[in-house]
């Protein structure tokens, strides 16, 4: 029996409800649409989220350490107290995002829209 989801992003995007506290460490979620979803406290360390749509998502206290968020849409996202240390936000859209208390140490923000 095949227990693993061969395309984790497809099942994740289609999953109803909250993803708060989910462990998504290291997953390849390039281009996924999670706009407006609750990912509070989720672990997304080293996740590949390039070109993902996280617009309006709630990521309060989420851990995105060393995540690839290049060209991602995070417009209007709530990232309060999130850990973005070492994350790659090159070209990301962070317009209107709430970054109060977020850790941005070592984060690449080159070309990002703030």
Foldseek 3Di string as FASTA:
>chain_A
DDDDDPQVLVCVLPDDAALAQAEQDQAENDQHEPDLHEHAQYEHDQYEHDQYEPDNYEHDQYEHDLYEHDQYEHDNYEHALYEDANYEHHLYEDHNYHHHNYHCHNYHCHNYHD
